[in-house]
Amino acid sequence: MPKGTPADYTRTIRRHQLKEMVPLADSTIFEMERRGEFPRRYALLPRTVVWNLAEVEAWLADRRARPIFRAQHVDVRDRRTRPVKD
């Protein structure tokens, strides 16, 4: 096998390293991957999945750059069932 320079290799991270960087539940990460909103994992071995570190860092930088707007609060007094009385 020819030896390459360190720049030729893609740095990958495993699940526990990803969880240290991105504190989201596994199901949330899986759903975001499915929708194309998070970098895709790939199988290194049959029971080992990894993520590309550069892609995850780029995703984090993009998330930091864009503000996330929260949903507006719902006025519970406008509910049709079980309205809150003043």
PDB file of N, CA and C in Angstrom:
ATOM      1  N   MET A   1       0.847  -1.172   0.000  1.00  0.00           N
ATOM      2  CA  MET A   1       0.000   0.000   0.000  1.00  0.00           C
ATOM      3  C   MET A   1       0.892   1.234   0.000  1.00  0.00           C
ATOM      4  N   PRO A   2       0.717   2.148  -0.957  1.00  0.00           N
ATOM      5  CA  PRO A   2       1.562   3.342  -1.001  1.00  0.00           C
ATOM      6  C   PRO A   2       1.243   4.278   0.153  1.00  0.00           C
ATOM      7  N   LYS A   3       2.284   4.889   0.641  1.00  0.00           N
ATOM      8  CA  LYS A   3       2.102   5.828   1.747  1.00  0.00           C
ATOM      9  C   LYS A   3       1.764   7.205   1.186  1.00  0.00           C
ATOM     10  N   GLY A   4       0.794   7.839   1.792  1.00  0.00           N
ATOM     11  CA  GLY A   4       0.383   9.164   1.353  1.00  0.00           C
ATOM     12  C   GLY A   4       0.707  10.190   2.424  1.00  0.00           C
ATOM     13  N   THR A   5       0.508  11.413   2.082  1.00  0.00           N
ATOM     14  CA  THR A   5       0.714  12.476   3.063  1.00  0.00           C
ATOM     15  C   THR A   5      -0.496  12.529   3.974  1.00  0.00           C
ATOM     16  N   PRO A   6      -0.358  13.099   5.173  1.00  0.00           N
ATOM     17  CA  PRO A   6      -1.510  13.192   6.080  1.00  0.00           C
ATOM     18  C   PRO A   6      -2.689  13.944   5.469  1.00  0.00           C
ATOM     19  N   ALA A   7      -2.437  14.844   4.539  1.00  0.00           N
ATOM     20  CA  ALA A   7      -3.517  15.604   3.912  1.00  0.00           C
ATOM     21  C   ALA A   7      -4.373  14.718   3.009  1.00  0.00           C
ATOM     22  N   ASP A   8      -3.842  13.553   2.591  1.00  0.00           N
ATOM     23  CA  ASP A   8      -4.592  12.648   1.724  1.00  0.00           C
ATOM     24  C   ASP A   8      -5.674  11.879   2.475  1.00  0.00           C
ATOM     25  N   TYR A   9      -5.610  11.855   3.797  1.00  0.00           N
ATOM     26  CA  TYR A   9      -6.546  11.079   4.607  1.00  0.00           C
ATOM     27  C   TYR A   9      -7.688  11.955   5.098  1.00  0.00           C
ATOM     28  N   THR A  10      -8.860  11.362   5.139  1.00  0.00           N
ATOM     29  CA  THR A  10     -10.034  12.047   5.668  1.00  0.00           C
ATOM     30  C   THR A  10     -10.145  11.708   7.144  1.00  0.00           C
ATOM     31  N   ARG A  11     -10.202  12.714   7.973  1.00  0.00           N
ATOM     32  CA  ARG A  11     -10.352  12.494   9.417  1.00  0.00           C
ATOM     33  C   ARG A  11     -11.808  12.169   9.691  1.00  0.00           C
ATOM     34  N   THR A  12     -12.032  11.074  10.404  1.00  0.00           N
ATOM     35  CA  THR A  12     -13.383  10.657  10.724  1.00  0.00           C
ATOM     36  C   THR A  12     -13.555  10.611  12.240  1.00  0.00           C
ATOM     37  N   ILE A  13     -14.810  10.666  12.651  1.00  0.00           N
ATOM     38  CA  ILE A  13     -15.128  10.564  14.074  1.00  0.00           C
ATOM     39  C   ILE A  13     -16.202   9.513  14.259  1.00  0.00           C
ATOM     40  N   ARG A  14     -16.175   8.877  15.431  1.00  0.00           N
ATOM     41  CA  ARG A  14     -17.177   7.870  15.762  1.00  0.00           C
ATOM     42  C   ARG A  14     -18.296   8.514  16.559  1.00  0.00           C
ATOM     43  N   ARG A  15     -19.294   7.714  16.892  1.00  0.00           N
ATOM     44  CA  ARG A  15     -20.511   8.225  17.525  1.00  0.00           C
ATOM     45  C   ARG A  15     -20.230   8.973  18.834  1.00  0.00           C
ATOM     46  N   HIS A  16     -19.393   8.429  19.715  1.00  0.00           N
ATOM     47  CA  HIS A  16     -19.165   9.092  20.999  1.00  0.00           C
ATOM     48  C   HIS A  16     -18.453  10.431  20.818  1.00  0.00           C
ATOM     49  N   GLN A  17     -17.590  10.541  19.806  1.00  0.00           N
ATOM     50  CA  GLN A  17     -16.938  11.820  19.526  1.00  0.00           C
ATOM     51  C   GLN A  17     -17.936  12.813  18.938  1.00  0.00           C
ATOM     52  N   LEU A  18     -18.834  12.318  18.088  1.00  0.00           N
ATOM     53  CA  LEU A  18     -19.867  13.177  17.519  1.00  0.00           C
ATOM     54  C   LEU A  18     -20.770  13.722  18.616  1.00  0.00           C
ATOM     55  N   LYS A  19     -21.137  12.857  19.582  1.00  0.00           N
ATOM     56  CA  LYS A  19     -22.022  13.277  20.677  1.00  0.00           C
ATOM     57  C   LYS A  19     -21.372  14.348  21.548  1.00  0.00           C
ATOM     58  N   GLU A  20     -20.038  14.354  21.657  1.00  0.00           N
ATOM     59  CA  GLU A  20     -19.335  15.402  22.403  1.00  0.00           C
ATOM     60  C   GLU A  20     -19.424  16.739  21.668  1.00  0.00           C
ATOM     61  N   MET A  21     -19.424  16.698  20.347  1.00  0.00           N
ATOM     62  CA  MET A  21     -19.475  17.916  19.541  1.00  0.00           C
ATOM     63  C   MET A  21     -20.902  18.403  19.339  1.00  0.00           C
ATOM     64  N   VAL A  22     -21.821  17.480  19.114  1.00  0.00           N
ATOM     65  CA  VAL A  22     -23.208  17.804  18.793  1.00  0.00           C
ATOM     66  C   VAL A  22     -24.098  17.089  19.809  1.00  0.00           C
ATOM     67  N   PRO A  23     -24.533  17.770  20.844  1.00  0.00           N
ATOM     68  CA  PRO A  23     -25.316  17.097  21.885  1.00  0.00           C
ATOM     69  C   PRO A  23     -26.788  16.911  21.501  1.00  0.00           C
ATOM     70  N   LEU A  24     -27.011  16.067  20.504  1.00  0.00           N
ATOM     71  CA  LEU A  24     -28.364  15.738  20.066  1.00  0.00           C
ATOM     72  C   LEU A  24     -28.586  14.247  20.247  1.00  0.00           C
ATOM     73  N   ALA A  25     -29.832  13.852  20.365  1.00  0.00           N
ATOM     74  CA  ALA A  25     -30.168  12.433  20.494  1.00  0.00           C
ATOM     75  C   ALA A  25     -29.873  11.709  19.181  1.00  0.00           C
ATOM     76  N   ASP A  26     -29.597  10.421  19.293  1.00  0.00           N
ATOM     77  CA  ASP A  26     -29.330   9.615  18.099  1.00  0.00           C
ATOM     78  C   ASP A  26     -30.486   9.676  17.109  1.00  0.00           C
ATOM     79  N   SER A  27     -31.707   9.642  17.624  1.00  0.00           N
ATOM     80  CA  SER A  27     -32.876   9.678  16.739  1.00  0.00           C
ATOM     81  C   SER A  27     -32.978  11.015  16.007  1.00  0.00           C
ATOM     82  N   THR A  28     -32.606  12.108  16.668  1.00  0.00           N
ATOM     83  CA  THR A  28     -32.631  13.428  16.030  1.00  0.00           C
ATOM     84  C   THR A  28     -31.589  13.504  14.933  1.00  0.00           C
ATOM     85  N   ILE A  29     -30.394  13.009  15.211  1.00  0.00           N
ATOM     86  CA  ILE A  29     -29.331  13.006  14.197  1.00  0.00           C
ATOM     87  C   ILE A  29     -29.746  12.147  13.010  1.00  0.00           C
ATOM     88  N   PHE A  30     -30.316  10.971  13.278  1.00  0.00           N
ATOM     89  CA  PHE A  30     -30.757  10.085  12.202  1.00  0.00           C
ATOM     90  C   PHE A  30     -31.814  10.762  11.332  1.00  0.00           C
ATOM     91  N   GLU A  31     -32.789  11.407  11.960  1.00  0.00           N
ATOM     92  CA  GLU A  31     -33.852  12.098  11.213  1.00  0.00           C
ATOM     93  C   GLU A  31     -33.269  13.231  10.380  1.00  0.00           C
ATOM     94  N   MET A  32     -32.342  14.005  10.952  1.00  0.00           N
ATOM     95  CA  MET A  32     -31.734  15.106  10.212  1.00  0.00           C
ATOM     96  C   MET A  32     -30.905  14.589   9.036  1.00  0.00           C
ATOM     97  N   GLU A  33     -30.219  13.474   9.222  1.00  0.00           N
ATOM     98  CA  GLU A  33     -29.479  12.855   8.114  1.00  0.00           C
ATOM     99  C   GLU A  33     -30.440  12.443   6.999  1.00  0.00           C
ATOM    100  N   ARG A  34     -31.547  11.843   7.376  1.00  0.00           N
ATOM    101  CA  ARG A  34     -32.532  11.378   6.398  1.00  0.00           C
ATOM    102  C   ARG A  34     -33.085  12.533   5.583  1.00  0.00           C
ATOM    103  N   ARG A  35     -33.300  13.687   6.233  1.00  0.00           N
ATOM    104  CA  ARG A  35     -33.824  14.868   5.541  1.00  0.00           C
ATOM    105  C   ARG A  35     -32.744  15.645   4.804  1.00  0.00           C
ATOM    106  N   GLY A  36     -31.474  15.283   4.971  1.00  0.00           N
ATOM    107  CA  GLY A  36     -30.380  15.980   4.311  1.00  0.00           C
ATOM    108  C   GLY A  36     -29.943  17.230   5.046  1.00  0.00           C
ATOM    109  N   GLU A  37     -30.259  17.341   6.325  1.00  0.00           N
ATOM    110  CA  GLU A  37     -29.915  18.523   7.116  1.00  0.00           C
ATOM    111  C   GLU A  37     -28.676  18.315   7.972  1.00  0.00           C
ATOM    112  N   PHE A  38     -28.078  17.146   7.914  1.00  0.00           N
ATOM    113  CA  PHE A  38     -26.904  16.822   8.716  1.00  0.00           C
ATOM    114  C   PHE A  38     -25.998  15.935   7.873  1.00  0.00           C
ATOM    115  N   PRO A  39     -24.667  16.024   8.051  1.00  0.00           N
ATOM    116  CA  PRO A  39     -23.771  15.161   7.263  1.00  0.00           C
ATOM    117  C   PRO A  39     -24.095  13.683   7.447  1.00  0.00           C
ATOM    118  N   ARG A  40     -24.014  12.932   6.356  1.00  0.00           N
ATOM    119  CA  ARG A  40     -24.357  11.504   6.377  1.00  0.00           C
ATOM    120  C   ARG A  40     -23.229  10.684   6.993  1.00  0.00           C
ATOM    121  N   ARG A  41     -23.604   9.669   7.742  1.00  0.00           N
ATOM    122  CA  ARG A  41     -22.645   8.703   8.263  1.00  0.00           C
ATOM    123  C   ARG A  41     -22.339   7.708   7.164  1.00  0.00           C
ATOM    124  N   TYR A  42     -21.236   7.015   7.299  1.00  0.00           N
ATOM    125  CA  TYR A  42     -20.972   5.917   6.383  1.00  0.00           C
ATOM    126  C   TYR A  42     -20.310   4.787   7.157  1.00  0.00           C
ATOM    127  N   ALA A  43     -20.498   3.589   6.651  1.00  0.00           N
ATOM    128  CA  ALA A  43     -20.009   2.394   7.330  1.00  0.00           C
ATOM    129  C   ALA A  43     -18.532   2.195   7.033  1.00  0.00           C
ATOM    130  N   LEU A  44     -17.759   2.134   8.094  1.00  0.00           N
ATOM    131  CA  LEU A  44     -16.341   1.841   7.966  1.00  0.00           C
ATOM    132  C   LEU A  44     -16.139   0.323   7.996  1.00  0.00           C
ATOM    133  N   LEU A  45     -16.891  -0.319   8.864  1.00  0.00           N
ATOM    134  CA  LEU A  45     -16.955  -1.776   8.987  1.00  0.00           C
ATOM    135  C   LEU A  45     -18.420  -2.146   9.160  1.00  0.00           C
ATOM    136  N   PRO A  46     -18.772  -3.416   9.135  1.00  0.00           N
ATOM    137  CA  PRO A  46     -20.187  -3.762   9.263  1.00  0.00           C
ATOM    138  C   PRO A  46     -20.868  -3.202  10.509  1.00  0.00           C
ATOM    139  N   ARG A  47     -20.147  -3.080  11.621  1.00  0.00           N
ATOM    140  CA  ARG A  47     -20.754  -2.573  12.850  1.00  0.00           C
ATOM    141  C   ARG A  47     -20.161  -1.249  13.304  1.00  0.00           C
ATOM    142  N   THR A  48     -19.473  -0.548  12.425  1.00  0.00           N
ATOM    143  CA  THR A  48     -18.831   0.716  12.782  1.00  0.00           C
ATOM    144  C   THR A  48     -19.213   1.787  11.774  1.00  0.00           C
ATOM    145  N   VAL A  49     -19.885   2.832  12.264  1.00  0.00           N
ATOM    146  CA  VAL A  49     -20.206   3.962  11.392  1.00  0.00           C
ATOM    147  C   VAL A  49     -19.398   5.168  11.846  1.00  0.00           C
ATOM    148  N   VAL A  50     -19.051   6.021  10.894  1.00  0.00           N
ATOM    149  CA  VAL A  50     -18.261   7.216  11.170  1.00  0.00           C
ATOM    150  C   VAL A  50     -18.833   8.387  10.390  1.00  0.00           C
ATOM    151  N   TRP A  51     -18.461   9.592  10.816  1.00  0.00           N
ATOM    152  CA  TRP A  51     -18.823  10.824  10.130  1.00  0.00           C
ATOM    153  C   TRP A  51     -17.534  11.527   9.729  1.00  0.00           C
ATOM    154  N   ASN A  52     -17.584  12.248   8.641  1.00  0.00           N
ATOM    155  CA  ASN A  52     -16.447  13.044   8.191  1.00  0.00           C
ATOM    156  C   ASN A  52     -16.342  14.256   9.108  1.00  0.00           C
ATOM    157  N   LEU A  53     -15.195  14.423   9.779  1.00  0.00           N
ATOM    158  CA  LEU A  53     -15.012  15.511  10.735  1.00  0.00           C
ATOM    159  C   LEU A  53     -15.141  16.871  10.071  1.00  0.00           C
ATOM    160  N   ALA A  54     -14.598  17.035   8.882  1.00  0.00           N
ATOM    161  CA  ALA A  54     -14.673  18.330   8.191  1.00  0.00           C
ATOM    162  C   ALA A  54     -16.123  18.704   7.875  1.00  0.00           C
ATOM    163  N   GLU A  55     -16.942  17.716   7.488  1.00  0.00           N
ATOM    164  CA  GLU A  55     -18.350  17.989   7.199  1.00  0.00           C
ATOM    165  C   GLU A  55     -19.112  18.382   8.458  1.00  0.00           C
ATOM    166  N   VAL A  56     -18.834  17.709   9.576  1.00  0.00           N
ATOM    167  CA  VAL A  56     -19.507  18.034  10.831  1.00  0.00           C
ATOM    168  C   VAL A  56     -19.102  19.423  11.306  1.00  0.00           C
ATOM    169  N   GLU A  57     -17.811  19.754  11.214  1.00  0.00           N
ATOM    170  CA  GLU A  57     -17.348  21.088  11.621  1.00  0.00           C
ATOM    171  C   GLU A  57     -17.952  22.170  10.731  1.00  0.00           C
ATOM    172  N   ALA A  58     -18.079  21.896   9.425  1.00  0.00           N
ATOM    173  CA  ALA A  58     -18.704  22.865   8.522  1.00  0.00           C
ATOM    174  C   ALA A  58     -20.175  23.047   8.877  1.00  0.00           C
ATOM    175  N   TRP A  59     -20.863  21.959   9.228  1.00  0.00           N
ATOM    176  CA  TRP A  59     -22.264  22.041   9.637  1.00  0.00           C
ATOM    177  C   TRP A  59     -22.397  22.888  10.893  1.00  0.00           C
ATOM    178  N   LEU A  60     -21.513  22.660  11.872  1.00  0.00           N
ATOM    179  CA  LEU A  60     -21.555  23.444  13.107  1.00  0.00           C
ATOM    180  C   LEU A  60     -21.302  24.928  12.831  1.00  0.00           C
ATOM    181  N   ALA A  61     -20.337  25.224  11.978  1.00  0.00           N
ATOM    182  CA  ALA A  61     -20.040  26.624  11.643  1.00  0.00           C
ATOM    183  C   ALA A  61     -21.233  27.279  10.955  1.00  0.00           C
ATOM    184  N   ASP A  62     -21.901  26.528  10.076  1.00  0.00           N
ATOM    185  CA  ASP A  62     -23.083  27.045   9.398  1.00  0.00           C
ATOM    186  C   ASP A  62     -24.208  27.314  10.390  1.00  0.00           C
ATOM    187  N   ARG A  63     -24.389  26.401  11.348  1.00  0.00           N
ATOM    188  CA  ARG A  63     -25.437  26.589  12.366  1.00  0.00           C
ATOM    189  C   ARG A  63     -25.142  27.786  13.250  1.00  0.00           C
ATOM    190  N   ARG A  64     -23.881  28.016  13.552  1.00  0.00           N
ATOM    191  CA  ARG A  64     -23.516  29.183  14.369  1.00  0.00           C
ATOM    192  C   ARG A  64     -23.762  30.485  13.614  1.00  0.00           C
ATOM    193  N   ALA A  65     -23.562  30.459  12.302  1.00  0.00           N
ATOM    194  CA  ALA A  65     -23.688  31.673  11.498  1.00  0.00           C
ATOM    195  C   ALA A  65     -25.139  32.077  11.275  1.00  0.00           C
ATOM    196  N   ARG A  66     -26.048  31.095  11.252  1.00  0.00           N
ATOM    197  CA  ARG A  66     -27.460  31.396  10.998  1.00  0.00           C
ATOM    198  C   ARG A  66     -28.244  31.404  12.296  1.00  0.00           C
ATOM    199  N   PRO A  67     -29.002  32.462  12.551  1.00  0.00           N
ATOM    200  CA  PRO A  67     -29.845  32.453  13.747  1.00  0.00           C
ATOM    201  C   PRO A  67     -31.030  31.510  13.556  1.00  0.00           C
ATOM    202  N   ILE A  68     -31.437  30.886  14.630  1.00  0.00           N
ATOM    203  CA  ILE A  68     -32.604  30.012  14.600  1.00  0.00           C
ATOM    204  C   ILE A  68     -33.719  30.736  15.327  1.00  0.00           C
ATOM    205  N   PHE A  69     -34.785  31.000  14.612  1.00  0.00           N
ATOM    206  CA  PHE A  69     -35.899  31.730  15.183  1.00  0.00           C
ATOM    207  C   PHE A  69     -36.826  30.759  15.899  1.00  0.00           C
ATOM    208  N   ARG A  70     -37.204  31.118  17.091  1.00  0.00           N
ATOM    209  CA  ARG A  70     -38.096  30.280  17.872  1.00  0.00           C
ATOM    210  C   ARG A  70     -39.536  30.498  17.431  1.00  0.00           C
ATOM    211  N   ALA A  71     -40.336  29.483  17.640  1.00  0.00           N
ATOM    212  CA  ALA A  71     -41.753  29.594  17.315  1.00  0.00           C
ATOM    213  C   ALA A  71     -42.415  30.560  18.289  1.00  0.00           C
ATOM    214  N   GLN A  72     -43.433  31.249  17.819  1.00  0.00           N
ATOM    215  CA  GLN A  72     -44.141  32.175  18.688  1.00  0.00           C
ATOM    216  C   GLN A  72     -44.998  31.407  19.669  1.00  0.00           C
ATOM    217  N   HIS A  73     -45.178  31.996  20.825  1.00  0.00           N
ATOM    218  CA  HIS A  73     -46.000  31.365  21.846  1.00  0.00           C
ATOM    219  C   HIS A  73     -47.474  31.431  21.440  1.00  0.00           C
ATOM    220  N   VAL A  74     -48.165  30.379  21.743  1.00  0.00           N
ATOM    221  CA  VAL A  74     -49.588  30.301  21.438  1.00  0.00           C
ATOM    222  C   VAL A  74     -50.354  30.894  22.611  1.00  0.00           C
ATOM    223  N   ASP A  75     -51.338  31.723  22.296  1.00  0.00           N
ATOM    224  CA  ASP A  75     -52.179  32.293  23.338  1.00  0.00           C
ATOM    225  C   ASP A  75     -53.227  31.254  23.713  1.00  0.00           C
ATOM    226  N   VAL A  76     -53.098  30.686  24.909  1.00  0.00           N
ATOM    227  CA  VAL A  76     -54.002  29.607  25.316  1.00  0.00           C
ATOM    228  C   VAL A  76     -55.431  30.091  25.510  1.00  0.00           C
ATOM    229  N   ARG A  77     -55.638  31.380  25.603  1.00  0.00           N
ATOM    230  CA  ARG A  77     -57.002  31.890  25.760  1.00  0.00           C
ATOM    231  C   ARG A  77     -57.792  31.786  24.469  1.00  0.00           C
ATOM    232  N   ASP A  78     -57.116  31.566  23.340  1.00  0.00           N
ATOM    233  CA  ASP A  78     -57.785  31.440  22.048  1.00  0.00           C
ATOM    234  C   ASP A  78     -58.154  29.998  21.703  1.00  0.00           C
ATOM    235  N   ARG A  79     -57.867  29.054  22.580  1.00  0.00           N
ATOM    236  CA  ARG A  79     -58.190  27.652  22.307  1.00  0.00           C
ATOM    237  C   ARG A  79     -59.698  27.458  22.238  1.00  0.00           C
ATOM    238  N   ARG A  80     -60.130  26.552  21.350  1.00  0.00           N
ATOM    239  CA  ARG A  80     -61.560  26.266  21.230  1.00  0.00           C
ATOM    240  C   ARG A  80     -61.993  25.232  22.260  1.00  0.00           C
ATOM    241  N   THR A  81     -61.096  24.302  22.570  1.00  0.00           N
ATOM    242  CA  THR A  81     -61.418  23.325  23.604  1.00  0.00           C
ATOM    243  C   THR A  81     -60.610  23.673  24.842  1.00  0.00           C
ATOM    244  N   ARG A  82     -61.216  23.553  25.976  1.00  0.00           N
ATOM    245  CA  ARG A  82     -60.614  23.860  27.268  1.00  0.00           C
ATOM    246  C   ARG A  82     -59.968  25.261  27.299  1.00  0.00           C
ATOM    247  N   PRO A  83     -60.699  26.308  26.960  1.00  0.00           N
ATOM    248  CA  PRO A  83     -60.096  27.651  27.004  1.00  0.00           C
ATOM    249  C   PRO A  83     -59.787  28.055  28.433  1.00  0.00           C
ATOM    250  N   VAL A  84     -58.778  28.880  28.577  1.00  0.00           N
ATOM    251  CA  VAL A  84     -58.397  29.397  29.877  1.00  0.00           C
ATOM    252  C   VAL A  84     -59.205  30.663  30.122  1.00  0.00           C
ATOM    253  N   LYS A  85     -59.860  30.726  31.248  1.00  0.00           N
ATOM    254  CA  LYS A  85     -60.682  31.899  31.564  1.00  0.00           C
ATOM    255  C   LYS A  85     -59.878  32.924  32.325  1.00  0.00           C
ATOM    256  N   ASP A  86     -60.110  34.163  32.020  1.00  0.00           N
ATOM    257  CA  ASP A  86     -59.410  35.255  32.714  1.00  0.00           C
ATOM    258  C   ASP A  86     -59.910  35.445  34.122  1.00  0.00           C
TER     259      ASP A  86
END
